[in-house]
Protein backbone atom coordinates (compact mmCIF):
# COMPACT_ATOMS: atom_id res chain seq x y z
CA MET A 1 0.00 0.00 0.00
CA THR A 2 1.33 3.35 -0.94
CA ASN A 3 1.40 6.43 1.20
CA ALA A 4 -1.41 8.10 -0.82
CA GLU A 5 -3.66 5.03 -0.50
CA ALA A 6 -3.10 4.99 3.26
CA ASN A 7 -4.07 8.66 3.51
CA ASP A 8 -7.25 8.07 1.46
CA LYS A 9 -8.22 5.10 3.62
CA ALA A 10 -7.60 7.09 6.81
CA ALA A 11 -9.70 9.97 5.48
CA ALA A 12 -12.56 7.59 4.60
CA LEU A 13 -12.51 6.08 8.11
CA ALA A 14 -12.41 9.53 9.68
CA GLU A 15 -15.49 10.58 7.69
CA GLN A 16 -17.42 7.54 8.94
CA ASP A 17 -16.59 8.29 12.59
CA ALA A 18 -16.97 12.07 12.25
CA HIS A 19 -19.56 13.55 14.60
CA VAL A 20 -22.17 15.60 12.79
CA ALA A 21 -24.12 18.10 14.90
CA PRO A 22 -27.90 17.69 14.63
CA GLU A 23 -29.78 20.44 12.85
CA LYS A 24 -30.71 23.23 15.30
CA ALA A 25 -34.37 23.19 16.31
CA PRO A 26 -36.23 26.52 16.19
CA SER A 27 -36.53 28.31 19.51
CA LYS A 28 -39.93 28.18 21.19
CA LYS A 29 -39.18 31.27 23.24
CA GLY A 30 -40.02 34.71 21.81
CA ALA A 31 -37.63 37.61 21.62
CA SER A 32 -36.67 39.04 25.00
CA GLN A 33 -37.50 42.62 25.92
CA LYS A 34 -34.67 45.14 25.89
CA LYS A 35 -33.50 46.54 29.19
CA GLY A 36 -35.36 49.73 30.10
CA ALA A 37 -38.02 49.24 27.42
CA PRO A 38 -41.54 50.23 28.48
CA LYS A 39 -43.69 47.34 29.55
CA ALA A 40 -47.14 46.72 28.12
CA LYS A 41 -50.11 47.52 30.31
CA LYS A 42 -51.67 44.49 31.94
CA SER A 43 -55.25 43.90 31.06
CA GLY A 44 -57.97 42.71 33.37
CA LYS A 45 -57.52 45.33 36.06
CA ALA A 46 -59.71 48.39 36.15
CA ALA A 47 -57.90 51.72 36.00
CA LYS A 48 -57.99 53.84 39.14
CA PRO A 49 -60.21 56.89 38.83
CA GLU A 50 -58.34 60.18 38.75
CA ARG A 51 -58.68 62.30 41.85
CA LYS A 52 -57.17 65.55 42.90
CA ALA A 53 -54.64 65.24 45.66
CA THR A 54 -55.39 67.39 48.67
CA PRO A 55 -52.84 67.58 51.43
CA ARG A 56 -53.98 66.70 54.94
CA ALA A 57 -54.97 69.76 56.95
CA GLU A 58 -52.12 69.38 59.44
CA SER A 59 -49.42 68.62 56.81
CA LYS A 60 -46.55 70.88 55.83
CA GLY A 61 -47.89 70.99 52.27
CA ALA A 62 -51.22 72.35 53.50
CA LYS A 63 -49.34 74.90 55.61
CA ILE A 64 -47.43 76.12 52.52
CA LEU A 65 -50.60 76.40 50.43
CA GLU A 66 -52.28 78.34 53.23
CA MET A 67 -49.32 80.73 53.44
CA ILE A 68 -49.21 81.47 49.70
CA ARG A 69 -52.98 82.12 49.65
CA ARG A 70 -52.43 85.28 51.70
CA ALA A 71 -52.73 88.58 49.82
CA LYS A 72 -49.03 89.34 50.27
CA GLY A 73 -48.01 85.71 49.68
CA ALA A 74 -45.12 84.12 51.54
CA THR A 75 -41.38 84.47 51.17
CA LEU A 76 -39.11 81.50 50.69
CA ALA A 77 -37.53 82.22 54.11
CA GLU A 78 -40.97 82.26 55.84
CA ILE A 79 -41.93 78.93 54.29
CA MET A 80 -38.57 77.41 55.22
CA LYS A 81 -38.99 78.55 58.82
CA ALA A 82 -42.59 77.25 59.08
CA THR A 83 -41.86 73.83 57.58
CA HIS A 84 -38.23 73.32 58.68
CA TRP A 85 -37.43 72.43 55.05
CA GLN A 86 -34.40 73.43 53.03
CA ALA A 87 -34.83 75.89 50.15
CA HIS A 88 -34.60 73.22 47.43
CA SER A 89 -37.37 71.20 49.11
CA VAL A 90 -39.70 74.23 49.26
CA ARG A 91 -39.02 75.10 45.62
CA GLY A 92 -39.62 71.46 44.62
CA PHE A 93 -42.95 71.35 46.45
CA ILE A 94 -44.09 74.64 44.91
CA SER A 95 -43.13 73.55 41.40
CA THR A 96 -45.21 70.37 41.65
CA ALA A 97 -48.07 71.87 43.70
CA GLY A 98 -49.30 73.93 40.74
CA THR A 99 -49.83 70.84 38.61
CA LYS A 100 -50.89 68.49 41.37
CA HIS A 101 -53.45 70.84 42.94
CA SER A 102 -54.44 72.62 39.70
CA ILE A 103 -53.44 76.06 40.98
CA LYS A 104 -51.36 78.85 39.47
CA ILE A 105 -48.51 80.03 41.69
CA GLU A 106 -46.75 83.31 40.95
CA SER A 107 -43.11 83.78 41.91
CA SER A 108 -41.54 87.23 42.17
CA LYS A 109 -39.01 89.20 44.21
CA ASN A 110 -39.99 91.86 46.74
CA GLU A 111 -38.24 95.22 47.40
CA VAL A 112 -35.66 93.59 49.62
CA GLY A 113 -34.86 90.92 47.00
CA ASP A 114 -36.49 87.94 48.74
CA ARG A 115 -38.39 85.39 46.63
CA VAL A 116 -42.18 85.66 47.22
CA TYR A 117 -44.75 83.03 46.20
CA LYS A 118 -48.44 83.99 45.74
CA LEU A 119 -51.54 82.27 44.49
CA CYS A 120 -52.82 83.77 41.22
CA GLY A 121 -56.48 84.42 40.41
CA ALA A 122 -57.98 83.09 43.63
CA PRO A 123 -59.62 84.80 46.59
CA HIS A 124 -56.97 85.65 49.16
CA ASN A 125 -57.12 84.99 52.89
CA GLU A 126 -55.60 87.43 55.36
């Protein structure tokens, strides 16, 4: 037997013993959702009725709204003192209160240069 015949015979034996991977079956699982993608709303549950949020009478939020209803309004310093909040917390509450409570809040500076918040277009309390 020649060297070429030996190589051919070895190749033929290798082909017979060669492992062939089975054809890949299709996946039964659907595509996964990307991270951070919005999720679909679940059906079957009734939506909650919309209601206007009203702060509790004794809450700091109610105290702020009461203060800005005054004819002269309330300064940032007065609100901070009454609620024991920092300035950024007061400003954050006031910025969301307009939308949340459906009220228009006017912000201006007085003669001294202090920031004053007032309720617009509503009857004022003294």
